Amino acid sequence: CRVGKGTHYGIGRIDHFIRSCSQNYTKDAYILKLDIQGY
C-alpha cells in the first residue's frame, strides 16, 4: 500500500538482498522468512 512499491518491487528487493549478502552467489547467505498469526 505504498506508491512505487508493491509485490513486484518487494520480490526484486529480496532478490537484491540475496545477491548482495552472498556477494553474487559466491558466499554463504541464509534466508529467514517469518509471518504473524492472524495479523
PDB file of all heavy atoms in Angstrom:
ATOM      1  N   CYS A   1       0.814  -1.211   0.000  1.00  0.00           N
ATOM      2  CA  CYS A   1       0.000   0.000   0.000  1.00  0.00           C
ATOM      3  C   CYS A   1       0.851   1.266   0.000  1.00  0.00           C
ATOM      4  O   CYS A   1       0.585   2.215   0.734  1.00  0.00           O
ATOM      5  CB  CYS A   1      -0.948  -0.005   1.206  1.00  0.00           C
ATOM      6  SG  CYS A   1      -2.271   1.232   1.122  1.00  0.00           S
ATOM      7  N   ARG A   2       1.888   1.274  -0.841  1.00  0.00           N
ATOM      8  CA  ARG A   2       2.744   2.451  -0.951  1.00  0.00           C
ATOM      9  C   ARG A   2       3.043   2.734  -2.414  1.00  0.00           C
ATOM     10  O   ARG A   2       3.307   1.809  -3.193  1.00  0.00           O
ATOM     11  CB  ARG A   2       4.052   2.252  -0.179  1.00  0.00           C
ATOM     12  CG  ARG A   2       3.856   2.083   1.315  1.00  0.00           C
ATOM     13  CD  ARG A   2       5.169   1.830   2.021  1.00  0.00           C
ATOM     14  NE  ARG A   2       6.065   2.985   1.941  1.00  0.00           N
ATOM     15  CZ  ARG A   2       7.343   2.954   2.317  1.00  0.00           C
ATOM     16  NH1 ARG A   2       7.875   1.823   2.769  1.00  0.00           N
ATOM     17  NH2 ARG A   2       8.087   4.045   2.224  1.00  0.00           N
ATOM     18  N   VAL A   3       3.017   3.996  -2.770  1.00  0.00           N
ATOM     19  CA  VAL A   3       3.266   4.399  -4.152  1.00  0.00           C
ATOM     20  C   VAL A   3       4.682   4.007  -4.556  1.00  0.00           C
ATOM     21  O   VAL A   3       5.648   4.274  -3.831  1.00  0.00           O
ATOM     22  CB  VAL A   3       3.074   5.927  -4.316  1.00  0.00           C
ATOM     23  CG1 VAL A   3       3.420   6.351  -5.740  1.00  0.00           C
ATOM     24  CG2 VAL A   3       1.638   6.324  -3.972  1.00  0.00           C
ATOM     25  N   GLY A   4       4.797   3.343  -5.705  1.00  0.00           N
ATOM     26  CA  GLY A   4       6.096   2.947  -6.217  1.00  0.00           C
ATOM     27  C   GLY A   4       6.655   1.677  -5.596  1.00  0.00           C
ATOM     28  O   GLY A   4       7.792   1.287  -5.885  1.00  0.00           O
ATOM     29  N   LYS A   5       5.878   1.022  -4.727  1.00  0.00           N
ATOM     30  CA  LYS A   5       6.345  -0.228  -4.092  1.00  0.00           C
ATOM     31  C   LYS A   5       5.532  -1.397  -4.652  1.00  0.00           C
ATOM     32  O   LYS A   5       5.448  -1.568  -5.846  1.00  0.00           O
ATOM     33  CB  LYS A   5       6.201  -0.135  -2.573  1.00  0.00           C
ATOM     34  CG  LYS A   5       6.838   1.103  -1.959  1.00  0.00           C
ATOM     35  CD  LYS A   5       8.347   1.093  -2.010  1.00  0.00           C
ATOM     36  CE  LYS A   5       8.929   2.300  -1.291  1.00  0.00           C
ATOM     37  NZ  LYS A   5      10.399   2.346  -1.357  1.00  0.00           N
ATOM     38  N   GLY A   6       4.947  -2.206  -3.784  1.00  0.00           N
ATOM     39  CA  GLY A   6       4.109  -3.321  -4.232  1.00  0.00           C
ATOM     40  C   GLY A   6       4.867  -4.633  -4.287  1.00  0.00           C
ATOM     41  O   GLY A   6       6.054  -4.726  -3.941  1.00  0.00           O
ATOM     42  N   THR A   7       4.172  -5.686  -4.749  1.00  0.00           N
ATOM     43  CA  THR A   7       4.731  -7.038  -4.714  1.00  0.00           C
ATOM     44  C   THR A   7       5.958  -7.190  -5.617  1.00  0.00           C
ATOM     45  O   THR A   7       6.952  -7.791  -5.216  1.00  0.00           O
ATOM     46  CB  THR A   7       3.663  -8.077  -5.118  1.00  0.00           C
ATOM     47  OG1 THR A   7       3.150  -7.742  -6.408  1.00  0.00           O
ATOM     48  CG2 THR A   7       2.525  -8.107  -4.109  1.00  0.00           C
ATOM     49  N   HIS A   8       5.880  -6.663  -6.838  1.00  0.00           N
ATOM     50  CA  HIS A   8       6.997  -6.838  -7.773  1.00  0.00           C
ATOM     51  C   HIS A   8       8.256  -6.158  -7.247  1.00  0.00           C
ATOM     52  O   HIS A   8       9.357  -6.714  -7.330  1.00  0.00           O
ATOM     53  CB  HIS A   8       6.614  -6.286  -9.144  1.00  0.00           C
ATOM     54  CG  HIS A   8       7.664  -6.518 -10.194  1.00  0.00           C
ATOM     55  ND1 HIS A   8       8.085  -7.780 -10.551  1.00  0.00           N
ATOM     56  CD2 HIS A   8       8.392  -5.645 -10.957  1.00  0.00           C
ATOM     57  CE1 HIS A   8       9.016  -7.687 -11.484  1.00  0.00           C
ATOM     58  NE2 HIS A   8       9.223  -6.407 -11.735  1.00  0.00           N
ATOM     59  N   TYR A   9       8.079  -4.978  -6.687  1.00  0.00           N
ATOM     60  CA  TYR A   9       9.218  -4.264  -6.100  1.00  0.00           C
ATOM     61  C   TYR A   9       9.793  -5.064  -4.929  1.00  0.00           C
ATOM     62  O   TYR A   9      11.017  -5.196  -4.791  1.00  0.00           O
ATOM     63  CB  TYR A   9       8.782  -2.876  -5.630  1.00  0.00           C
ATOM     64  CG  TYR A   9       9.879  -2.048  -4.995  1.00  0.00           C
ATOM     65  CD1 TYR A   9      10.787  -1.338  -5.780  1.00  0.00           C
ATOM     66  CD2 TYR A   9      10.013  -1.990  -3.610  1.00  0.00           C
ATOM     67  CE1 TYR A   9      11.793  -0.583  -5.201  1.00  0.00           C
ATOM     68  CE2 TYR A   9      11.021  -1.240  -3.023  1.00  0.00           C
ATOM     69  CZ  TYR A   9      11.907  -0.537  -3.824  1.00  0.00           C
ATOM     70  OH  TYR A   9      12.898   0.204  -3.238  1.00  0.00           O
ATOM     71  N   GLY A  10       8.905  -5.607  -4.092  1.00  0.00           N
ATOM     72  CA  GLY A  10       9.346  -6.385  -2.945  1.00  0.00           C
ATOM     73  C   GLY A  10      10.124  -7.622  -3.347  1.00  0.00           C
ATOM     74  O   GLY A  10      11.154  -7.952  -2.746  1.00  0.00           O
ATOM     75  N   ILE A  11       9.653  -8.318  -4.370  1.00  0.00           N
ATOM     76  CA  ILE A  11      10.354  -9.513  -4.868  1.00  0.00           C
ATOM     77  C   ILE A  11      11.746  -9.131  -5.362  1.00  0.00           C
ATOM     78  O   ILE A  11      12.739  -9.806  -5.063  1.00  0.00           O
ATOM     79  CB  ILE A  11       9.535 -10.177  -5.994  1.00  0.00           C
ATOM     80  CG1 ILE A  11       8.252 -10.788  -5.414  1.00  0.00           C
ATOM     81  CG2 ILE A  11      10.354 -11.248  -6.716  1.00  0.00           C
ATOM     82  CD1 ILE A  11       7.212 -11.137  -6.468  1.00  0.00           C
ATOM     83  N   GLY A  12      11.821  -8.032  -6.098  1.00  0.00           N
ATOM     84  CA  GLY A  12      13.107  -7.562  -6.610  1.00  0.00           C
ATOM     85  C   GLY A  12      14.073  -7.192  -5.496  1.00  0.00           C
ATOM     86  O   GLY A  12      15.282  -7.455  -5.589  1.00  0.00           O
ATOM     87  N   ARG A  13      13.549  -6.601  -4.434  1.00  0.00           N
ATOM     88  CA  ARG A  13      14.413  -6.213  -3.313  1.00  0.00           C
ATOM     89  C   ARG A  13      14.958  -7.438  -2.570  1.00  0.00           C
ATOM     90  O   ARG A  13      16.136  -7.465  -2.200  1.00  0.00           O
ATOM     91  CB  ARG A  13      13.634  -5.323  -2.344  1.00  0.00           C
ATOM     92  CG  ARG A  13      13.378  -3.935  -2.875  1.00  0.00           C
ATOM     93  CD  ARG A  13      14.646  -3.138  -3.015  1.00  0.00           C
ATOM     94  NE  ARG A  13      15.209  -2.788  -1.692  1.00  0.00           N
ATOM     95  CZ  ARG A  13      16.413  -2.254  -1.520  1.00  0.00           C
ATOM     96  NH1 ARG A  13      17.209  -2.050  -2.557  1.00  0.00           N
ATOM     97  NH2 ARG A  13      16.835  -1.954  -0.302  1.00  0.00           N
ATOM     98  N   ILE A  14      14.121  -8.449  -2.355  1.00  0.00           N
ATOM     99  CA  ILE A  14      14.602  -9.662  -1.676  1.00  0.00           C
ATOM    100  C   ILE A  14      15.659 -10.349  -2.536  1.00  0.00           C
ATOM    101  O   ILE A  14      16.677 -10.836  -2.028  1.00  0.00           O
ATOM    102  CB  ILE A  14      13.437 -10.624  -1.349  1.00  0.00           C
ATOM    103  CG1 ILE A  14      12.392  -9.950  -0.455  1.00  0.00           C
ATOM    104  CG2 ILE A  14      13.977 -11.904  -0.705  1.00  0.00           C
ATOM    105  CD1 ILE A  14      12.923  -9.387   0.846  1.00  0.00           C
ATOM    106  N   ASP A  15      15.438 -10.378  -3.834  1.00  0.00           N
ATOM    107  CA  ASP A  15      16.441 -10.930  -4.758  1.00  0.00           C
ATOM    108  C   ASP A  15      17.748 -10.145  -4.645  1.00  0.00           C
ATOM    109  O   ASP A  15      18.841 -10.726  -4.630  1.00  0.00           O
ATOM    110  CB  ASP A  15      15.901 -10.886  -6.185  1.00  0.00           C
ATOM    111  CG  ASP A  15      16.882 -11.445  -7.205  1.00  0.00           C
ATOM    112  OD1 ASP A  15      17.357 -12.580  -7.015  1.00  0.00           O
ATOM    113  OD2 ASP A  15      17.171 -10.741  -8.195  1.00  0.00           O
ATOM    114  N   HIS A  16      17.640  -8.823  -4.561  1.00  0.00           N
ATOM    115  CA  HIS A  16      18.826  -7.970  -4.411  1.00  0.00           C
ATOM    116  C   HIS A  16      19.546  -8.266  -3.093  1.00  0.00           C
ATOM    117  O   HIS A  16      20.787  -8.340  -3.056  1.00  0.00           O
ATOM    118  CB  HIS A  16      18.413  -6.495  -4.461  1.00  0.00           C
ATOM    119  CG  HIS A  16      19.488  -5.550  -4.025  1.00  0.00           C
ATOM    120  ND1 HIS A  16      20.586  -5.261  -4.807  1.00  0.00           N
ATOM    121  CD2 HIS A  16      19.646  -4.847  -2.854  1.00  0.00           C
ATOM    122  CE1 HIS A  16      21.381  -4.408  -4.153  1.00  0.00           C
ATOM    123  NE2 HIS A  16      20.817  -4.143  -2.974  1.00  0.00           N
ATOM    124  N   PHE A  17      18.776  -8.441  -1.999  1.00  0.00           N
ATOM    125  CA  PHE A  17      19.384  -8.743  -0.699  1.00  0.00           C
ATOM    126  C   PHE A  17      20.204 -10.032  -0.771  1.00  0.00           C
ATOM    127  O   PHE A  17      21.308 -10.116  -0.219  1.00  0.00           O
ATOM    128  CB  PHE A  17      18.307  -8.892   0.376  1.00  0.00           C
ATOM    129  CG  PHE A  17      17.569  -7.622   0.706  1.00  0.00           C
ATOM    130  CD1 PHE A  17      16.295  -7.676   1.255  1.00  0.00           C
ATOM    131  CD2 PHE A  17      18.135  -6.376   0.469  1.00  0.00           C
ATOM    132  CE1 PHE A  17      15.608  -6.520   1.570  1.00  0.00           C
ATOM    133  CE2 PHE A  17      17.456  -5.207   0.782  1.00  0.00           C
ATOM    134  CZ  PHE A  17      16.181  -5.279   1.323  1.00  0.00           C
ATOM    135  N   ILE A  18      19.638 -11.040  -1.425  1.00  0.00           N
ATOM    136  CA  ILE A  18      20.312 -12.338  -1.525  1.00  0.00           C
ATOM    137  C   ILE A  18      21.607 -12.196  -2.318  1.00  0.00           C
ATOM    138  O   ILE A  18      22.669 -12.690  -1.909  1.00  0.00           O
ATOM    139  CB  ILE A  18      19.382 -13.387  -2.164  1.00  0.00           C
ATOM    140  CG1 ILE A  18      18.200 -13.673  -1.239  1.00  0.00           C
ATOM    141  CG2 ILE A  18      20.150 -14.673  -2.474  1.00  0.00           C
ATOM    142  CD1 ILE A  18      17.078 -14.468  -1.888  1.00  0.00           C
ATOM    143  N   ARG A  19      21.531 -11.501  -3.442  1.00  0.00           N
ATOM    144  CA  ARG A  19      22.738 -11.317  -4.268  1.00  0.00           C
ATOM    145  C   ARG A  19      23.792 -10.501  -3.531  1.00  0.00           C
ATOM    146  O   ARG A  19      24.990 -10.798  -3.592  1.00  0.00           O
ATOM    147  CB  ARG A  19      22.377 -10.644  -5.595  1.00  0.00           C
ATOM    148  CG  ARG A  19      21.694 -11.583  -6.579  1.00  0.00           C
ATOM    149  CD  ARG A  19      21.491 -10.967  -7.954  1.00  0.00           C
ATOM    150  NE  ARG A  19      20.424  -9.968  -7.951  1.00  0.00           N
ATOM    151  CZ  ARG A  19      20.617  -8.664  -8.036  1.00  0.00           C
ATOM    152  NH1 ARG A  19      21.864  -8.185  -8.129  1.00  0.00           N
ATOM    153  NH2 ARG A  19      19.602  -7.834  -8.034  1.00  0.00           N
ATOM    154  N   SER A  20      23.352  -9.473  -2.816  1.00  0.00           N
ATOM    155  CA  SER A  20      24.281  -8.612  -2.084  1.00  0.00           C
ATOM    156  C   SER A  20      24.954  -9.358  -0.935  1.00  0.00           C
ATOM    157  O   SER A  20      26.181  -9.300  -0.767  1.00  0.00           O
ATOM    158  CB  SER A  20      23.532  -7.390  -1.547  1.00  0.00           C
ATOM    159  OG  SER A  20      24.363  -6.589  -0.736  1.00  0.00           O
ATOM    160  N   CYS A  21      24.141 -10.057  -0.142  1.00  0.00           N
ATOM    161  CA  CYS A  21      24.667 -10.754   1.028  1.00  0.00           C
ATOM    162  C   CYS A  21      25.586 -11.918   0.629  1.00  0.00           C
ATOM    163  O   CYS A  21      26.578 -12.198   1.315  1.00  0.00           O
ATOM    164  CB  CYS A  21      23.510 -11.257   1.884  1.00  0.00           C
ATOM    165  SG  CYS A  21      23.994 -11.876   3.512  1.00  0.00           S
ATOM    166  N   SER A  22      25.265 -12.585  -0.478  1.00  0.00           N
ATOM    167  CA  SER A  22      26.070 -13.734  -0.929  1.00  0.00           C
ATOM    168  C   SER A  22      27.195 -13.306  -1.874  1.00  0.00           C
ATOM    169  O   SER A  22      27.920 -14.168  -2.391  1.00  0.00           O
ATOM    170  CB  SER A  22      25.173 -14.751  -1.649  1.00  0.00           C
ATOM    171  OG  SER A  22      24.667 -14.202  -2.860  1.00  0.00           O
ATOM    172  N   GLN A  23      27.314 -11.986  -2.074  1.00  0.00           N
ATOM    173  CA  GLN A  23      28.326 -11.444  -2.996  1.00  0.00           C
ATOM    174  C   GLN A  23      28.232 -12.136  -4.360  1.00  0.00           C
ATOM    175  O   GLN A  23      29.166 -12.761  -4.835  1.00  0.00           O
ATOM    176  CB  GLN A  23      29.729 -11.573  -2.401  1.00  0.00           C
ATOM    177  CG  GLN A  23      29.912 -10.769  -1.118  1.00  0.00           C
ATOM    178  CD  GLN A  23      31.307 -10.870  -0.535  1.00  0.00           C
ATOM    179  OE1 GLN A  23      32.279 -11.014  -1.274  1.00  0.00           O
ATOM    180  NE2 GLN A  23      31.423 -10.801   0.781  1.00  0.00           N
ATOM    181  N   ASN A  24      27.034 -11.957  -4.943  1.00  0.00           N
ATOM    182  CA  ASN A  24      26.721 -12.557  -6.251  1.00  0.00           C
ATOM    183  C   ASN A  24      26.889 -14.073  -6.260  1.00  0.00           C
ATOM    184  O   ASN A  24      27.515 -14.660  -7.153  1.00  0.00           O
ATOM    185  CB  ASN A  24      27.562 -11.916  -7.362  1.00  0.00           C
ATOM    186  CG  ASN A  24      26.994 -10.580  -7.784  1.00  0.00           C
ATOM    187  OD1 ASN A  24      25.780 -10.386  -7.795  1.00  0.00           O
ATOM    188  ND2 ASN A  24      27.877  -9.654  -8.121  1.00  0.00           N
ATOM    189  N   TYR A  25      26.327 -14.707  -5.220  1.00  0.00           N
ATOM    190  CA  TYR A  25      26.252 -16.159  -5.109  1.00  0.00           C
ATOM    191  C   TYR A  25      27.624 -16.827  -4.957  1.00  0.00           C
ATOM    192  O   TYR A  25      27.800 -17.991  -5.325  1.00  0.00           O
ATOM    193  CB  TYR A  25      25.526 -16.761  -6.323  1.00  0.00           C
ATOM    194  CG  TYR A  25      24.248 -16.040  -6.686  1.00  0.00           C
ATOM    195  CD1 TYR A  25      24.084 -15.481  -7.957  1.00  0.00           C
ATOM    196  CD2 TYR A  25      23.212 -15.894  -5.772  1.00  0.00           C
ATOM    197  CE1 TYR A  25      22.906 -14.807  -8.299  1.00  0.00           C
ATOM    198  CE2 TYR A  25      22.047 -15.220  -6.105  1.00  0.00           C
ATOM    199  CZ  TYR A  25      21.902 -14.676  -7.368  1.00  0.00           C
ATOM    200  OH  TYR A  25      20.745 -14.001  -7.703  1.00  0.00           O
ATOM    201  N   THR A  26      28.575 -16.111  -4.372  1.00  0.00           N
ATOM    202  CA  THR A  26      29.911 -16.685  -4.155  1.00  0.00           C
ATOM    203  C   THR A  26      30.164 -17.005  -2.681  1.00  0.00           C
ATOM    204  O   THR A  26      31.123 -17.707  -2.360  1.00  0.00           O
ATOM    205  CB  THR A  26      31.008 -15.728  -4.652  1.00  0.00           C
ATOM    206  OG1 THR A  26      30.953 -14.509  -3.893  1.00  0.00           O
ATOM    207  CG2 THR A  26      30.857 -15.445  -6.134  1.00  0.00           C
ATOM    208  N   LYS A  27      29.320 -16.462  -1.780  1.00  0.00           N
ATOM    209  CA  LYS A  27      29.473 -16.691  -0.348  1.00  0.00           C
ATOM    210  C   LYS A  27      28.181 -17.241   0.242  1.00  0.00           C
ATOM    211  O   LYS A  27      27.124 -17.172  -0.378  1.00  0.00           O
ATOM    212  CB  LYS A  27      29.835 -15.375   0.366  1.00  0.00           C
ATOM    213  CG  LYS A  27      31.076 -14.670  -0.158  1.00  0.00           C
ATOM    214  CD  LYS A  27      32.342 -15.430   0.214  1.00  0.00           C
ATOM    215  CE  LYS A  27      33.579 -14.657  -0.256  1.00  0.00           C
ATOM    216  NZ  LYS A  27      34.835 -15.379   0.072  1.00  0.00           N
ATOM    217  N   ASP A  28      28.280 -17.772   1.444  1.00  0.00           N
ATOM    218  CA  ASP A  28      27.092 -18.277   2.125  1.00  0.00           C
ATOM    219  C   ASP A  28      26.165 -17.127   2.533  1.00  0.00           C
ATOM    220  O   ASP A  28      26.622 -16.056   2.950  1.00  0.00           O
ATOM    221  CB  ASP A  28      27.465 -19.068   3.379  1.00  0.00           C
ATOM    222  CG  ASP A  28      27.931 -20.481   3.066  1.00  0.00           C
ATOM    223  OD1 ASP A  28      27.487 -21.026   2.036  1.00  0.00           O
ATOM    224  OD2 ASP A  28      28.735 -21.024   3.843  1.00  0.00           O
ATOM    225  N   ALA A  29      24.877 -17.364   2.409  1.00  0.00           N
ATOM    226  CA  ALA A  29      23.856 -16.431   2.897  1.00  0.00           C
ATOM    227  C   ALA A  29      22.610 -17.250   3.221  1.00  0.00           C
ATOM    228  O   ALA A  29      22.338 -18.273   2.569  1.00  0.00           O
ATOM    229  CB  ALA A  29      23.545 -15.368   1.854  1.00  0.00           C
ATOM    230  N   TYR A  30      21.862 -16.790   4.221  1.00  0.00           N
ATOM    231  CA  TYR A  30      20.696 -17.536   4.682  1.00  0.00           C
ATOM    232  C   TYR A  30      19.465 -16.626   4.713  1.00  0.00           C
ATOM    233  O   TYR A  30      19.568 -15.414   4.928  1.00  0.00           O
ATOM    234  CB  TYR A  30      20.958 -18.139   6.063  1.00  0.00           C
ATOM    235  CG  TYR A  30      22.061 -19.172   6.033  1.00  0.00           C
ATOM    236  CD1 TYR A  30      23.391 -18.780   6.172  1.00  0.00           C
ATOM    237  CD2 TYR A  30      21.776 -20.516   5.826  1.00  0.00           C
ATOM    238  CE1 TYR A  30      24.418 -19.721   6.110  1.00  0.00           C
ATOM    239  CE2 TYR A  30      22.789 -21.459   5.761  1.00  0.00           C
ATOM    240  CZ  TYR A  30      24.106 -21.064   5.898  1.00  0.00           C
ATOM    241  OH  TYR A  30      25.120 -21.996   5.825  1.00  0.00           O
ATOM    242  N   ILE A  31      18.327 -17.256   4.500  1.00  0.00           N
ATOM    243  CA  ILE A  31      17.057 -16.523   4.426  1.00  0.00           C
ATOM    244  C   ILE A  31      16.169 -16.953   5.586  1.00  0.00           C
ATOM    245  O   ILE A  31      15.904 -18.146   5.770  1.00  0.00           O
ATOM    246  CB  ILE A  31      16.333 -16.819   3.096  1.00  0.00           C
ATOM    247  CG1 ILE A  31      17.212 -16.461   1.896  1.00  0.00           C
ATOM    248  CG2 ILE A  31      14.997 -16.075   3.028  1.00  0.00           C
ATOM    249  CD1 ILE A  31      16.738 -17.064   0.587  1.00  0.00           C
ATOM    250  N   LEU A  32      15.702 -15.962   6.355  1.00  0.00           N
ATOM    251  CA  LEU A  32      14.727 -16.217   7.414  1.00  0.00           C
ATOM    252  C   LEU A  32      13.434 -15.506   7.033  1.00  0.00           C
ATOM    253  O   LEU A  32      13.407 -14.282   6.903  1.00  0.00           O
ATOM    254  CB  LEU A  32      15.233 -15.683   8.762  1.00  0.00           C
ATOM    255  CG  LEU A  32      14.239 -15.739   9.936  1.00  0.00           C
ATOM    256  CD1 LEU A  32      13.853 -17.189  10.258  1.00  0.00           C
ATOM    257  CD2 LEU A  32      14.814 -15.056  11.179  1.00  0.00           C
ATOM    258  N   LYS A  33      12.381 -16.299   6.832  1.00  0.00           N
ATOM    259  CA  LYS A  33      11.070 -15.728   6.497  1.00  0.00           C
ATOM    260  C   LYS A  33      10.119 -16.002   7.653  1.00  0.00           C
ATOM    261  O   LYS A  33       9.993 -17.139   8.112  1.00  0.00           O
ATOM    262  CB  LYS A  33      10.516 -16.332   5.203  1.00  0.00           C
ATOM    263  CG  LYS A  33       9.226 -15.641   4.742  1.00  0.00           C
ATOM    264  CD  LYS A  33       8.745 -16.161   3.386  1.00  0.00           C
ATOM    265  CE  LYS A  33       8.107 -17.519   3.502  1.00  0.00           C
ATOM    266  NZ  LYS A  33       7.307 -17.890   2.306  1.00  0.00           N
ATOM    267  N   LEU A  34       9.444 -14.936   8.108  1.00  0.00           N
ATOM    268  CA  LEU A  34       8.535 -15.029   9.239  1.00  0.00           C
ATOM    269  C   LEU A  34       7.170 -14.446   8.888  1.00  0.00           C
ATOM    270  O   LEU A  34       7.048 -13.656   7.950  1.00  0.00           O
ATOM    271  CB  LEU A  34       9.120 -14.295  10.454  1.00  0.00           C
ATOM    272  CG  LEU A  34      10.478 -14.795  10.960  1.00  0.00           C
ATOM    273  CD1 LEU A  34      11.044 -13.847  12.010  1.00  0.00           C
ATOM    274  CD2 LEU A  34      10.361 -16.205  11.530  1.00  0.00           C
ATOM    275  N   ASP A  35       6.178 -14.831   9.670  1.00  0.00           N
ATOM    276  CA  ASP A  35       4.803 -14.434   9.423  1.00  0.00           C
ATOM    277  C   ASP A  35       4.114 -14.219  10.769  1.00  0.00           C
ATOM    278  O   ASP A  35       4.451 -14.877  11.748  1.00  0.00           O
ATOM    279  CB  ASP A  35       4.102 -15.545   8.616  1.00  0.00           C
ATOM    280  CG  ASP A  35       2.692 -15.165   8.200  1.00  0.00           C
ATOM    281  OD1 ASP A  35       1.790 -15.259   9.046  1.00  0.00           O
ATOM    282  OD2 ASP A  35       2.495 -14.780   7.049  1.00  0.00           O
ATOM    283  N   ILE A  36       3.160 -13.301  10.815  1.00  0.00           N
ATOM    284  CA  ILE A  36       2.418 -13.030  12.047  1.00  0.00           C
ATOM    285  C   ILE A  36       1.069 -13.746  11.990  1.00  0.00           C
ATOM    286  O   ILE A  36       0.356 -13.648  10.988  1.00  0.00           O
ATOM    287  CB  ILE A  36       2.225 -11.518  12.257  1.00  0.00           C
ATOM    288  CG1 ILE A  36       3.588 -10.850  12.453  1.00  0.00           C
ATOM    289  CG2 ILE A  36       1.315 -11.238  13.448  1.00  0.00           C
ATOM    290  CD1 ILE A  36       3.557  -9.355  12.429  1.00  0.00           C
ATOM    291  N   GLN A  37       0.733 -14.434  13.042  1.00  0.00           N
ATOM    292  CA  GLN A  37      -0.502 -15.217  13.075  1.00  0.00           C
ATOM    293  C   GLN A  37      -1.720 -14.309  13.222  1.00  0.00           C
ATOM    294  O   GLN A  37      -1.811 -13.508  14.147  1.00  0.00           O
ATOM    295  CB  GLN A  37      -0.464 -16.216  14.240  1.00  0.00           C
ATOM    296  CG  GLN A  37      -1.627 -17.188  14.248  1.00  0.00           C
ATOM    297  CD  GLN A  37      -1.406 -18.326  15.222  1.00  0.00           C
ATOM    298  OE1 GLN A  37      -0.299 -18.566  15.680  1.00  0.00           O
ATOM    299  NE2 GLN A  37      -2.471 -19.039  15.544  1.00  0.00           N
ATOM    300  N   GLY A  38      -2.663 -14.445  12.258  1.00  0.00           N
ATOM    301  CA  GLY A  38      -3.898 -13.674  12.305  1.00  0.00           C
ATOM    302  C   GLY A  38      -3.670 -12.183  12.475  1.00  0.00           C
ATOM    303  O   GLY A  38      -4.278 -11.559  13.348  1.00  0.00           O
ATOM    304  N   TYR A  39      -2.802 -11.618  11.637  1.00  0.00           N
ATOM    305  CA  TYR A  39      -2.338 -10.249  11.875  1.00  0.00           C
ATOM    306  C   TYR A  39      -3.455  -9.226  12.015  1.00  0.00           C
ATOM    307  O   TYR A  39      -3.598  -8.571  13.057  1.00  0.00           O
ATOM    308  CB  TYR A  39      -1.355  -9.821  10.776  1.00  0.00           C
ATOM    309  CG  TYR A  39      -0.961  -8.360  10.901  1.00  0.00           C
ATOM    310  CD1 TYR A  39      -0.456  -7.870  12.104  1.00  0.00           C
ATOM    311  CD2 TYR A  39      -1.127  -7.476   9.847  1.00  0.00           C
ATOM    312  CE1 TYR A  39      -0.112  -6.537  12.242  1.00  0.00           C
ATOM    313  CE2 TYR A  39      -0.783  -6.140   9.975  1.00  0.00           C
ATOM    314  CZ  TYR A  39      -0.269  -5.674  11.174  1.00  0.00           C
ATOM    315  OH  TYR A  39       0.049  -4.351  11.317  1.00  0.00           O
TER     316      TYR A  39
END
